[in-house]
Amino acid sequence: MARLLRVAALAVVLVSLAGCFGGGVKHPINPPNASIQLLEVQPDGRWKLSIRLENFSDKTVHYSTLKAELRVSGIEATQLDLKPEMDIPGLNADIVETTISPGSDLQKAFALDVKAPGGAAYELKGTIGVPAADKDFKFEHRSRLSPVPGIPNQYR
């Protein structure tokens, strides 16, 4: 009887260990986020955007696409369709840059709003593609842009 109990206990231990190796459970990927790190107004009126991609997972994740609508001062600024193709270490972030050409209505609204207390509101809403998860994660980020002290035409 004691021999049978030892064999049964050994079998339980071996089955438990087998679950730890090979095709076990995949490591979960936490939903990423994107926000504007910096908006620089160029001499020709275009805006250079530094977009911060944030990895909230504890392992390195590859980001393949960023598709989003950008609204600034309540006005649609652009539809972004970027392909960052970058690996971001766990609990870290990286920057992807793009340049857009805002319309005159948006330029005027932004110029007024950014001078107001609290700055100009913006919303970035869309999806971030993560091939390892075989899906596009939805995200939405709302914040405000204010002048960078001492540096003309830069807003955070």
C-alpha atoms as a PDB file:
ATOM      1  CA  MET A   1       0.000   0.000   0.000  1.00  0.00           C
ATOM      2  CA  ALA A   2       2.810   2.401   0.886  1.00  0.00           C
ATOM      3  CA  ARG A   3       4.516   1.568  -2.410  1.00  0.00           C
ATOM      4  CA  LEU A   4       1.310   2.389  -4.311  1.00  0.00           C
ATOM      5  CA  LEU A   5       1.035   5.768  -2.525  1.00  0.00           C
ATOM      6  CA  ARG A   6       4.648   6.604  -3.415  1.00  0.00           C
ATOM      7  CA  VAL A   7       4.095   5.728  -7.066  1.00  0.00           C
ATOM      8  CA  ALA A   8       0.886   7.817  -7.141  1.00  0.00           C
ATOM      9  CA  ALA A   9       2.656  10.784  -5.504  1.00  0.00           C
ATOM     10  CA  LEU A  10       5.537  10.497  -7.993  1.00  0.00           C
ATOM     11  CA  ALA A  11       3.058  10.427 -10.887  1.00  0.00           C
ATOM     12  CA  VAL A  12       1.354  13.598  -9.602  1.00  0.00           C
ATOM     13  CA  VAL A  13       4.706  15.370  -9.301  1.00  0.00           C
ATOM     14  CA  LEU A  14       5.773  14.324 -12.814  1.00  0.00           C
ATOM     15  CA  VAL A  15       2.468  15.456 -14.358  1.00  0.00           C
ATOM     16  CA  SER A  16       2.755  18.790 -12.532  1.00  0.00           C
ATOM     17  CA  LEU A  17       6.311  19.317 -13.779  1.00  0.00           C
ATOM     18  CA  ALA A  18       5.352  18.392 -17.337  1.00  0.00           C
ATOM     19  CA  GLY A  19       2.899  21.294 -17.350  1.00  0.00           C
ATOM     20  CA  CYS A  20       5.770  23.703 -16.671  1.00  0.00           C
ATOM     21  CA  PHE A  21       7.656  22.786 -19.841  1.00  0.00           C
ATOM     22  CA  GLY A  22       6.903  22.881 -23.531  1.00  0.00           C
ATOM     23  CA  GLY A  23       3.597  24.207 -24.857  1.00  0.00           C
ATOM     24  CA  GLY A  24       2.288  25.519 -21.564  1.00  0.00           C
ATOM     25  CA  VAL A  25       0.236  28.657 -21.047  1.00  0.00           C
ATOM     26  CA  LYS A  26       1.328  31.674 -23.128  1.00  0.00           C
ATOM     27  CA  HIS A  27       2.590  34.694 -21.215  1.00  0.00           C
ATOM     28  CA  PRO A  28      -0.159  37.348 -21.240  1.00  0.00           C
ATOM     29  CA  ILE A  29       0.426  40.637 -23.065  1.00  0.00           C
ATOM     30  CA  ASN A  30      -1.049  43.679 -21.335  1.00  0.00           C
ATOM     31  CA  PRO A  31      -2.813  46.232 -23.548  1.00  0.00           C
ATOM     32  CA  PRO A  32      -0.392  48.953 -24.732  1.00  0.00           C
ATOM     33  CA  ASN A  33      -1.090  52.685 -24.943  1.00  0.00           C
ATOM     34  CA  ALA A  34       0.025  55.613 -27.081  1.00  0.00           C
ATOM     35  CA  SER A  35       0.210  59.330 -26.317  1.00  0.00           C
ATOM     36  CA  ILE A  36       1.861  62.462 -27.666  1.00  0.00           C
ATOM     37  CA  GLN A  37       5.259  62.986 -26.074  1.00  0.00           C
ATOM     38  CA  LEU A  38       6.027  66.140 -28.056  1.00  0.00           C
ATOM     39  CA  LEU A  39       4.434  68.267 -30.778  1.00  0.00           C
ATOM     40  CA  GLU A  40       6.845  70.548 -32.642  1.00  0.00           C
ATOM     41  CA  VAL A  41       5.505  73.215 -35.006  1.00  0.00           C
ATOM     42  CA  GLN A  42       7.904  73.312 -37.971  1.00  0.00           C
ATOM     43  CA  PRO A  43       8.822  76.569 -39.807  1.00  0.00           C
ATOM     44  CA  ASP A  44       6.614  75.501 -42.755  1.00  0.00           C
ATOM     45  CA  GLY A  45       3.578  75.043 -40.433  1.00  0.00           C
ATOM     46  CA  ARG A  46       3.630  71.233 -40.379  1.00  0.00           C
ATOM     47  CA  TRP A  47       3.582  69.422 -37.035  1.00  0.00           C
ATOM     48  CA  LYS A  48       6.211  66.868 -36.092  1.00  0.00           C
ATOM     49  CA  LEU A  49       4.672  64.419 -33.619  1.00  0.00           C
ATOM     50  CA  SER A  50       6.692  62.250 -31.255  1.00  0.00           C
ATOM     51  CA  ILE A  51       4.270  59.513 -30.222  1.00  0.00           C
ATOM     52  CA  ARG A  52       5.089  57.493 -27.123  1.00  0.00           C
ATOM     53  CA  LEU A  53       4.266  53.766 -27.375  1.00  0.00           C
ATOM     54  CA  GLU A  54       4.000  52.226 -23.900  1.00  0.00           C
ATOM     55  CA  ASN A  55       4.536  48.548 -23.102  1.00  0.00           C
ATOM     56  CA  PHE A  56       2.757  47.602 -19.858  1.00  0.00           C
ATOM     57  CA  SER A  57       3.781  43.928 -20.123  1.00  0.00           C
ATOM     58  CA  ASP A  58       6.713  42.601 -18.126  1.00  0.00           C
ATOM     59  CA  LYS A  59       8.422  41.161 -21.209  1.00  0.00           C
ATOM     60  CA  THR A  60       9.614  42.606 -24.525  1.00  0.00           C
ATOM     61  CA  VAL A  61       6.785  43.029 -27.038  1.00  0.00           C
ATOM     62  CA  HIS A  62       6.973  43.709 -30.790  1.00  0.00           C
ATOM     63  CA  TYR A  63       4.665  46.474 -32.081  1.00  0.00           C
ATOM     64  CA  SER A  64       3.852  46.358 -35.787  1.00  0.00           C
ATOM     65  CA  THR A  65       1.133  48.965 -36.387  1.00  0.00           C
ATOM     66  CA  LEU A  66      -0.377  52.101 -34.905  1.00  0.00           C
ATOM     67  CA  LYS A  67      -3.656  53.224 -36.460  1.00  0.00           C
ATOM     68  CA  ALA A  68      -5.390  56.113 -34.769  1.00  0.00           C
ATOM     69  CA  GLU A  69      -7.471  59.236 -35.124  1.00  0.00           C
ATOM     70  CA  LEU A  70      -5.900  62.370 -33.671  1.00  0.00           C
ATOM     71  CA  ARG A  71      -8.147  65.211 -32.539  1.00  0.00           C
ATOM     72  CA  VAL A  72      -6.646  68.465 -31.260  1.00  0.00           C
ATOM     73  CA  SER A  73      -8.687  71.343 -29.819  1.00  0.00           C
ATOM     74  CA  GLY A  74     -11.834  69.373 -30.689  1.00  0.00           C
ATOM     75  CA  ILE A  75     -10.936  69.238 -34.412  1.00  0.00           C
ATOM     76  CA  GLU A  76      -9.894  66.118 -36.325  1.00  0.00           C
ATOM     77  CA  ALA A  77      -6.208  66.586 -37.104  1.00  0.00           C
ATOM     78  CA  THR A  78      -5.404  63.395 -39.011  1.00  0.00           C
ATOM     79  CA  GLN A  79      -5.748  59.646 -39.366  1.00  0.00           C
ATOM     80  CA  LEU A  80      -2.456  58.024 -38.411  1.00  0.00           C
ATOM     81  CA  ASP A  81      -1.393  54.780 -40.081  1.00  0.00           C
ATOM     82  CA  LEU A  82       2.123  54.044 -38.854  1.00  0.00           C
ATOM     83  CA  LYS A  83       4.263  50.920 -38.966  1.00  0.00           C
ATOM     84  CA  PRO A  84       6.742  51.273 -36.088  1.00  0.00           C
ATOM     85  CA  GLU A  85       8.027  47.651 -36.333  1.00  0.00           C
ATOM     86  CA  MET A  86       9.806  47.983 -32.998  1.00  0.00           C
ATOM     87  CA  ASP A  87      10.489  45.853 -29.945  1.00  0.00           C
ATOM     88  CA  ILE A  88       9.900  47.596 -26.635  1.00  0.00           C
ATOM     89  CA  PRO A  89      11.321  46.055 -23.432  1.00  0.00           C
ATOM     90  CA  GLY A  90       8.939  45.176 -20.623  1.00  0.00           C
ATOM     91  CA  LEU A  91       7.487  48.044 -18.588  1.00  0.00           C
ATOM     92  CA  ASN A  92       9.099  50.551 -20.924  1.00  0.00           C
ATOM     93  CA  ALA A  93       8.274  52.900 -23.813  1.00  0.00           C
ATOM     94  CA  ASP A  94       9.715  54.100 -27.103  1.00  0.00           C
ATOM     95  CA  ILE A  95       9.002  56.899 -29.579  1.00  0.00           C
ATOM     96  CA  VAL A  96       7.696  56.762 -33.139  1.00  0.00           C
ATOM     97  CA  GLU A  97       7.712  60.014 -35.134  1.00  0.00           C
ATOM     98  CA  THR A  98       5.563  61.328 -37.938  1.00  0.00           C
ATOM     99  CA  THR A  99       4.789  64.695 -39.526  1.00  0.00           C
ATOM    100  CA  ILE A 100       1.308  65.976 -40.352  1.00  0.00           C
ATOM    101  CA  SER A 101      -0.057  69.026 -42.148  1.00  0.00           C
ATOM    102  CA  PRO A 102      -2.835  70.590 -40.059  1.00  0.00           C
ATOM    103  CA  GLY A 103      -5.526  72.664 -41.758  1.00  0.00           C
ATOM    104  CA  SER A 104      -5.762  76.403 -41.116  1.00  0.00           C
ATOM    105  CA  ASP A 105      -8.818  75.992 -38.823  1.00  0.00           C
ATOM    106  CA  LEU A 106      -6.880  73.548 -36.658  1.00  0.00           C
ATOM    107  CA  GLN A 107      -3.783  75.770 -36.579  1.00  0.00           C
ATOM    108  CA  LYS A 108      -5.873  78.748 -35.396  1.00  0.00           C
ATOM    109  CA  ALA A 109      -7.778  76.741 -32.759  1.00  0.00           C
ATOM    110  CA  PHE A 110      -4.572  75.167 -31.449  1.00  0.00           C
ATOM    111  CA  ALA A 111      -2.762  78.523 -31.272  1.00  0.00           C
ATOM    112  CA  LEU A 112      -5.583  79.935 -29.111  1.00  0.00           C
ATOM    113  CA  ASP A 113      -6.119  76.869 -26.928  1.00  0.00           C
ATOM    114  CA  VAL A 114      -2.472  76.200 -26.182  1.00  0.00           C
ATOM    115  CA  LYS A 115      -2.141  79.691 -24.641  1.00  0.00           C
ATOM    116  CA  ALA A 116      -5.099  79.106 -22.292  1.00  0.00           C
ATOM    117  CA  PRO A 117      -4.554  77.744 -18.777  1.00  0.00           C
ATOM    118  CA  GLY A 118      -4.243  73.979 -19.036  1.00  0.00           C
ATOM    119  CA  GLY A 119      -3.274  74.042 -22.718  1.00  0.00           C
ATOM    120  CA  ALA A 120      -4.915  72.484 -25.769  1.00  0.00           C
ATOM    121  CA  ALA A 121      -6.877  69.247 -25.382  1.00  0.00           C
ATOM    122  CA  TYR A 122      -6.095  66.288 -27.604  1.00  0.00           C
ATOM    123  CA  GLU A 123      -7.405  62.761 -28.069  1.00  0.00           C
ATOM    124  CA  LEU A 124      -5.596  59.838 -29.663  1.00  0.00           C
ATOM    125  CA  LYS A 125      -7.843  56.833 -30.276  1.00  0.00           C
ATOM    126  CA  GLY A 126      -7.282  53.677 -32.303  1.00  0.00           C
ATOM    127  CA  THR A 127      -5.436  50.351 -32.324  1.00  0.00           C
ATOM    128  CA  ILE A 128      -1.906  49.075 -31.767  1.00  0.00           C
ATOM    129  CA  GLY A 129      -0.946  45.855 -33.542  1.00  0.00           C
ATOM    130  CA  VAL A 130       0.899  43.160 -31.585  1.00  0.00           C
ATOM    131  CA  PRO A 131       1.742  40.107 -33.715  1.00  0.00           C
ATOM    132  CA  ALA A 132       2.587  37.882 -30.692  1.00  0.00           C
ATOM    133  CA  ALA A 133      -0.951  38.358 -29.387  1.00  0.00           C
ATOM    134  CA  ASP A 134      -2.329  37.931 -32.925  1.00  0.00           C
ATOM    135  CA  LYS A 135      -4.524  40.984 -32.412  1.00  0.00           C
ATOM    136  CA  ASP A 136      -4.841  44.747 -32.477  1.00  0.00           C
ATOM    137  CA  PHE A 137      -5.325  46.278 -29.031  1.00  0.00           C
ATOM    138  CA  LYS A 138      -7.755  49.193 -28.817  1.00  0.00           C
ATOM    139  CA  PHE A 139      -6.602  52.266 -26.913  1.00  0.00           C
ATOM    140  CA  GLU A 140      -7.811  55.769 -26.157  1.00  0.00           C
ATOM    141  CA  HIS A 141      -5.737  58.539 -24.618  1.00  0.00           C
ATOM    142  CA  ARG A 142      -6.894  62.038 -23.710  1.00  0.00           C
ATOM    143  CA  SER A 143      -4.615  64.730 -22.405  1.00  0.00           C
ATOM    144  CA  ARG A 144      -3.499  68.324 -22.955  1.00  0.00           C
ATOM    145  CA  LEU A 145      -0.569  69.986 -24.693  1.00  0.00           C
ATOM    146  CA  SER A 146       1.169  72.989 -23.152  1.00  0.00           C
ATOM    147  CA  PRO A 147       4.203  75.036 -24.250  1.00  0.00           C
ATOM    148  CA  VAL A 148       7.619  73.682 -23.268  1.00  0.00           C
ATOM    149  CA  PRO A 149       9.135  76.450 -21.110  1.00  0.00           C
ATOM    150  CA  GLY A 150      11.910  78.352 -22.868  1.00  0.00           C
ATOM    151  CA  ILE A 151      11.603  76.432 -26.165  1.00  0.00           C
ATOM    152  CA  PRO A 152       9.444  78.098 -28.826  1.00  0.00           C
ATOM    153  CA  ASN A 153       7.067  75.996 -30.956  1.00  0.00           C
ATOM    154  CA  GLN A 154       7.329  72.868 -28.786  1.00  0.00           C
ATOM    155  CA  TYR A 155       4.414  71.475 -26.783  1.00  0.00           C
ATOM    156  CA  ARG A 156       4.086  68.611 -24.301  1.00  0.00           C
END
